[in-house]
């Protein structure tokens, strides 16, 4: 299983430096196309997408998250930081397992 990242130039470049392929998106249309293409690739097991882009295409992200087991879609902050009101990964894990890490 491979990772795939959808984000701004910095995110895609950063993940690319450690061997994660990705696609840059600057608009809702580009993000939607990148996510749709990634979902169709059977080799991809985890899709990382910037929170800001995910918000632009929220109905599509939610449709995939709630109807498909794989690939897993994870929303990550971009270089501007987390979106207000979004829980951190640590908070999500704590809630999921019921133990504070």
N, C-alpha and C. Protein backbone atom coordinates (compact mmCIF):
# COMPACT_ATOMS: atom_id res chain seq x y z
N UNK A 1 0.83 -1.18 0.00
CA UNK A 1 0.00 0.00 0.00
C UNK A 1 0.87 1.25 0.00
N UNK A 2 0.48 2.21 -0.79
CA UNK A 2 1.25 3.44 -0.91
C UNK A 2 0.47 4.62 -0.34
N UNK A 3 1.23 5.65 0.02
CA UNK A 3 0.67 6.93 0.42
C UNK A 3 0.56 7.82 -0.80
N UNK A 4 -0.36 8.78 -0.73
CA UNK A 4 -0.51 9.77 -1.78
C UNK A 4 -0.94 11.06 -1.08
N UNK A 5 -0.35 12.18 -1.47
CA UNK A 5 -0.68 13.45 -0.83
C UNK A 5 -1.29 14.42 -1.84
N UNK A 6 -2.30 15.14 -1.39
CA UNK A 6 -2.94 16.18 -2.20
C UNK A 6 -2.84 17.46 -1.38
N UNK A 7 -2.20 18.46 -1.96
CA UNK A 7 -2.03 19.69 -1.18
C UNK A 7 -1.42 20.81 -1.98
N UNK A 8 -0.98 21.81 -1.25
CA UNK A 8 -0.32 22.95 -1.88
C UNK A 8 1.10 22.53 -2.29
N UNK A 9 1.79 23.42 -2.94
CA UNK A 9 3.12 23.12 -3.46
C UNK A 9 4.08 22.67 -2.36
N UNK A 10 4.07 23.36 -1.22
CA UNK A 10 4.98 23.02 -0.12
C UNK A 10 4.71 21.63 0.43
N UNK A 11 3.46 21.29 0.59
CA UNK A 11 3.09 19.98 1.13
C UNK A 11 3.53 18.86 0.19
N UNK A 12 3.21 19.01 -1.08
CA UNK A 12 3.56 17.99 -2.06
C UNK A 12 5.08 17.86 -2.18
N UNK A 13 5.78 18.98 -2.18
CA UNK A 13 7.24 18.95 -2.26
C UNK A 13 7.84 18.28 -1.02
N UNK A 14 7.35 18.65 0.16
CA UNK A 14 7.86 18.07 1.40
C UNK A 14 7.68 16.56 1.47
N UNK A 15 6.49 16.10 1.16
CA UNK A 15 6.24 14.66 1.18
C UNK A 15 7.01 13.96 0.06
N UNK A 16 7.18 14.65 -1.06
CA UNK A 16 7.94 14.07 -2.16
C UNK A 16 9.39 13.81 -1.78
N UNK A 17 9.93 14.62 -0.89
CA UNK A 17 11.32 14.45 -0.45
C UNK A 17 11.52 13.16 0.34
N UNK A 18 10.45 12.60 0.88
CA UNK A 18 10.56 11.33 1.61
C UNK A 18 9.92 10.19 0.81
N UNK A 19 9.69 10.43 -0.47
CA UNK A 19 9.24 9.36 -1.34
C UNK A 19 7.74 9.20 -1.51
N UNK A 20 6.96 10.14 -1.00
CA UNK A 20 5.50 10.06 -1.14
C UNK A 20 5.09 10.85 -2.37
N UNK A 21 4.46 10.18 -3.29
CA UNK A 21 3.96 10.86 -4.49
C UNK A 21 2.77 11.73 -4.13
N UNK A 22 2.50 12.71 -4.97
CA UNK A 22 1.36 13.56 -4.69
C UNK A 22 0.98 14.41 -5.87
N UNK A 23 -0.02 15.21 -5.61
CA UNK A 23 -0.53 16.10 -6.65
C UNK A 23 -0.88 17.44 -6.03
N UNK A 24 -0.42 18.48 -6.68
CA UNK A 24 -0.71 19.83 -6.24
C UNK A 24 -2.12 20.23 -6.65
N UNK A 25 -2.78 20.96 -5.77
CA UNK A 25 -4.12 21.47 -6.09
C UNK A 25 -4.26 22.86 -5.50
N UNK A 26 -4.79 23.77 -6.29
CA UNK A 26 -4.97 25.14 -5.83
C UNK A 26 -6.43 25.57 -5.88
N UNK A 27 -7.29 24.70 -6.40
CA UNK A 27 -8.71 25.03 -6.50
C UNK A 27 -9.54 23.80 -6.14
N UNK A 28 -10.82 24.03 -5.96
CA UNK A 28 -11.72 22.92 -5.64
C UNK A 28 -11.75 21.91 -6.79
N UNK A 29 -11.75 22.40 -8.00
CA UNK A 29 -11.79 21.51 -9.16
C UNK A 29 -10.54 20.63 -9.23
N UNK A 30 -9.37 21.23 -9.00
CA UNK A 30 -8.12 20.45 -9.03
C UNK A 30 -8.09 19.43 -7.89
N UNK A 31 -8.54 19.84 -6.71
CA UNK A 31 -8.56 18.94 -5.56
C UNK A 31 -9.52 17.78 -5.79
N UNK A 32 -10.67 18.09 -6.35
CA UNK A 32 -11.67 17.06 -6.63
C UNK A 32 -11.14 16.03 -7.63
N UNK A 33 -10.49 16.51 -8.68
CA UNK A 33 -9.93 15.61 -9.69
C UNK A 33 -8.81 14.76 -9.10
N UNK A 34 -7.94 15.38 -8.30
CA UNK A 34 -6.83 14.64 -7.68
C UNK A 34 -7.36 13.56 -6.74
N UNK A 35 -8.37 13.88 -5.94
CA UNK A 35 -8.93 12.90 -5.01
C UNK A 35 -9.63 11.77 -5.76
N UNK A 36 -10.38 12.10 -6.77
CA UNK A 36 -11.07 11.08 -7.56
C UNK A 36 -10.07 10.14 -8.22
N UNK A 37 -9.01 10.70 -8.79
CA UNK A 37 -7.98 9.88 -9.43
C UNK A 37 -7.28 8.98 -8.42
N UNK A 38 -6.96 9.53 -7.25
CA UNK A 38 -6.28 8.75 -6.21
C UNK A 38 -7.18 7.62 -5.70
N UNK A 39 -8.47 7.88 -5.58
CA UNK A 39 -9.39 6.85 -5.10
C UNK A 39 -9.49 5.68 -6.09
N UNK A 40 -9.25 5.94 -7.35
CA UNK A 40 -9.34 4.90 -8.37
C UNK A 40 -8.07 4.06 -8.48
N UNK A 41 -6.98 4.50 -7.85
CA UNK A 41 -5.71 3.78 -7.92
C UNK A 41 -5.65 2.74 -6.81
N UNK A 42 -5.68 1.47 -7.17
CA UNK A 42 -5.72 0.38 -6.20
C UNK A 42 -4.45 0.26 -5.37
N UNK A 43 -3.34 0.83 -5.82
CA UNK A 43 -2.08 0.78 -5.08
C UNK A 43 -2.06 1.73 -3.89
N UNK A 44 -2.92 2.73 -3.89
CA UNK A 44 -2.91 3.75 -2.83
C UNK A 44 -3.76 3.28 -1.66
N UNK A 45 -3.14 3.26 -0.48
CA UNK A 45 -3.84 2.82 0.73
C UNK A 45 -4.19 3.96 1.66
N UNK A 46 -3.42 5.06 1.59
CA UNK A 46 -3.66 6.21 2.46
C UNK A 46 -3.51 7.48 1.64
N UNK A 47 -4.53 8.32 1.71
CA UNK A 47 -4.50 9.62 1.03
C UNK A 47 -4.42 10.69 2.10
N UNK A 48 -3.41 11.54 1.99
CA UNK A 48 -3.27 12.69 2.87
C UNK A 48 -3.72 13.91 2.08
N UNK A 49 -4.62 14.70 2.65
CA UNK A 49 -5.12 15.89 1.96
C UNK A 49 -5.11 17.07 2.93
N UNK A 50 -4.67 18.21 2.44
CA UNK A 50 -4.68 19.41 3.27
C UNK A 50 -6.10 19.73 3.74
N UNK A 51 -6.23 20.15 4.98
CA UNK A 51 -7.54 20.48 5.54
C UNK A 51 -8.26 21.54 4.72
N UNK A 52 -7.54 22.55 4.28
CA UNK A 52 -8.18 23.63 3.53
C UNK A 52 -8.74 23.13 2.19
N UNK A 53 -8.02 22.25 1.53
CA UNK A 53 -8.53 21.67 0.28
C UNK A 53 -9.71 20.75 0.57
N UNK A 54 -9.61 19.98 1.64
CA UNK A 54 -10.71 19.08 1.99
C UNK A 54 -11.99 19.87 2.25
N UNK A 55 -11.86 21.03 2.86
CA UNK A 55 -13.04 21.86 3.12
C UNK A 55 -13.67 22.35 1.82
N UNK A 56 -12.85 22.60 0.80
CA UNK A 56 -13.38 23.06 -0.49
C UNK A 56 -14.22 21.98 -1.17
N UNK A 57 -13.90 20.72 -0.89
CA UNK A 57 -14.62 19.61 -1.53
C UNK A 57 -15.23 18.69 -0.47
N UNK A 58 -15.71 19.27 0.61
CA UNK A 58 -16.22 18.50 1.75
C UNK A 58 -17.24 17.42 1.37
N UNK A 59 -18.24 17.70 0.52
CA UNK A 59 -19.20 16.63 0.19
C UNK A 59 -18.54 15.39 -0.43
N UNK A 60 -17.55 15.61 -1.31
CA UNK A 60 -16.86 14.49 -1.94
C UNK A 60 -16.01 13.74 -0.92
N UNK A 61 -15.27 14.46 -0.09
CA UNK A 61 -14.45 13.82 0.94
C UNK A 61 -15.32 12.98 1.86
N UNK A 62 -16.40 13.56 2.34
CA UNK A 62 -17.29 12.83 3.25
C UNK A 62 -17.91 11.61 2.58
N UNK A 63 -18.27 11.75 1.31
CA UNK A 63 -18.85 10.61 0.60
C UNK A 63 -17.87 9.44 0.56
N UNK A 64 -16.61 9.71 0.25
CA UNK A 64 -15.61 8.65 0.22
C UNK A 64 -15.32 8.11 1.62
N UNK A 65 -15.21 8.99 2.59
CA UNK A 65 -14.89 8.58 3.97
C UNK A 65 -15.97 7.66 4.52
N UNK A 66 -17.23 7.98 4.26
CA UNK A 66 -18.33 7.23 4.87
C UNK A 66 -18.84 6.04 4.04
N UNK A 67 -18.33 5.88 2.82
CA UNK A 67 -18.84 4.77 2.01
C UNK A 67 -17.76 3.78 1.58
N UNK A 68 -16.49 4.12 1.80
CA UNK A 68 -15.42 3.22 1.35
C UNK A 68 -14.45 2.94 2.48
N UNK A 69 -14.00 1.69 2.56
CA UNK A 69 -13.02 1.32 3.57
C UNK A 69 -11.63 1.76 3.19
N UNK A 70 -11.28 1.58 1.93
CA UNK A 70 -9.94 1.94 1.46
C UNK A 70 -10.06 2.77 0.21
N UNK A 71 -9.15 3.64 -0.02
CA UNK A 71 -8.07 4.05 0.85
C UNK A 71 -8.55 4.92 2.00
N UNK A 72 -7.74 4.97 3.02
CA UNK A 72 -8.01 5.81 4.18
C UNK A 72 -7.68 7.25 3.81
N UNK A 73 -8.56 8.18 4.15
CA UNK A 73 -8.32 9.60 3.87
C UNK A 73 -8.04 10.31 5.18
N UNK A 74 -6.88 10.95 5.26
CA UNK A 74 -6.49 11.71 6.45
C UNK A 74 -6.31 13.17 6.07
N UNK A 75 -6.92 14.05 6.84
CA UNK A 75 -6.77 15.48 6.60
C UNK A 75 -5.63 15.99 7.47
N UNK A 76 -4.72 16.72 6.84
CA UNK A 76 -3.56 17.24 7.54
C UNK A 76 -3.50 18.76 7.41
N UNK A 77 -2.91 19.44 8.39
CA UNK A 77 -2.76 20.89 8.27
C UNK A 77 -1.73 21.23 7.19
N UNK A 78 -1.85 22.43 6.65
CA UNK A 78 -0.84 22.89 5.70
C UNK A 78 0.15 23.78 6.45
N UNK A 79 0.99 24.49 5.73
CA UNK A 79 2.01 25.32 6.38
C UNK A 79 1.42 26.47 7.17
N UNK A 80 0.16 26.77 6.96
CA UNK A 80 -0.51 27.85 7.70
C UNK A 80 -1.02 27.36 9.06
N UNK A 81 -0.98 26.06 9.29
CA UNK A 81 -1.44 25.50 10.56
C UNK A 81 -2.82 24.88 10.44
N UNK A 82 -3.28 24.35 11.57
CA UNK A 82 -4.59 23.69 11.61
C UNK A 82 -5.71 24.69 11.44
N UNK A 83 -6.79 24.23 10.87
CA UNK A 83 -8.00 25.05 10.79
C UNK A 83 -8.61 25.12 12.17
N UNK A 84 -9.16 26.25 12.50
CA UNK A 84 -9.78 26.43 13.81
C UNK A 84 -10.94 25.46 13.98
N UNK A 85 -10.98 24.82 15.12
CA UNK A 85 -12.06 23.89 15.42
C UNK A 85 -11.78 22.46 15.00
N UNK A 86 -10.70 22.24 14.27
CA UNK A 86 -10.34 20.88 13.86
C UNK A 86 -9.51 20.23 14.97
N UNK A 87 -9.86 19.02 15.38
CA UNK A 87 -9.07 18.35 16.40
C UNK A 87 -7.72 17.90 15.84
N UNK A 88 -6.73 17.84 16.72
CA UNK A 88 -5.42 17.36 16.29
C UNK A 88 -5.46 15.85 16.17
N UNK A 89 -4.45 15.30 15.53
CA UNK A 89 -4.36 13.85 15.39
C UNK A 89 -4.31 13.20 16.77
N UNK A 90 -3.58 13.79 17.68
CA UNK A 90 -3.48 13.26 19.04
C UNK A 90 -4.85 13.22 19.71
N UNK A 91 -5.63 14.28 19.54
CA UNK A 91 -6.97 14.33 20.12
C UNK A 91 -7.88 13.25 19.51
N UNK A 92 -7.76 13.04 18.21
CA UNK A 92 -8.56 12.02 17.54
C UNK A 92 -8.21 10.62 18.06
N UNK A 93 -6.92 10.36 18.22
CA UNK A 93 -6.49 9.06 18.72
C UNK A 93 -6.97 8.86 20.16
N UNK A 94 -6.81 9.89 20.99
CA UNK A 94 -7.26 9.80 22.37
C UNK A 94 -8.75 9.48 22.44
N UNK A 95 -9.53 10.12 21.61
CA UNK A 95 -10.97 9.88 21.59
C UNK A 95 -11.29 8.47 21.08
N UNK A 96 -10.55 8.03 20.08
CA UNK A 96 -10.82 6.72 19.48
C UNK A 96 -10.51 5.57 20.44
N UNK A 97 -9.42 5.68 21.19
CA UNK A 97 -9.03 4.57 22.06
C UNK A 97 -9.40 4.79 23.50
N UNK A 98 -9.83 6.01 23.84
CA UNK A 98 -10.27 6.28 25.20
C UNK A 98 -9.16 6.40 26.22
N UNK A 99 -7.95 6.59 25.75
CA UNK A 99 -6.80 6.71 26.65
C UNK A 99 -6.04 7.98 26.24
N UNK A 100 -5.62 8.74 27.25
CA UNK A 100 -4.83 9.93 26.95
C UNK A 100 -3.39 9.54 26.68
N UNK A 101 -2.87 9.99 25.57
CA UNK A 101 -1.47 9.71 25.22
C UNK A 101 -0.59 10.86 25.64
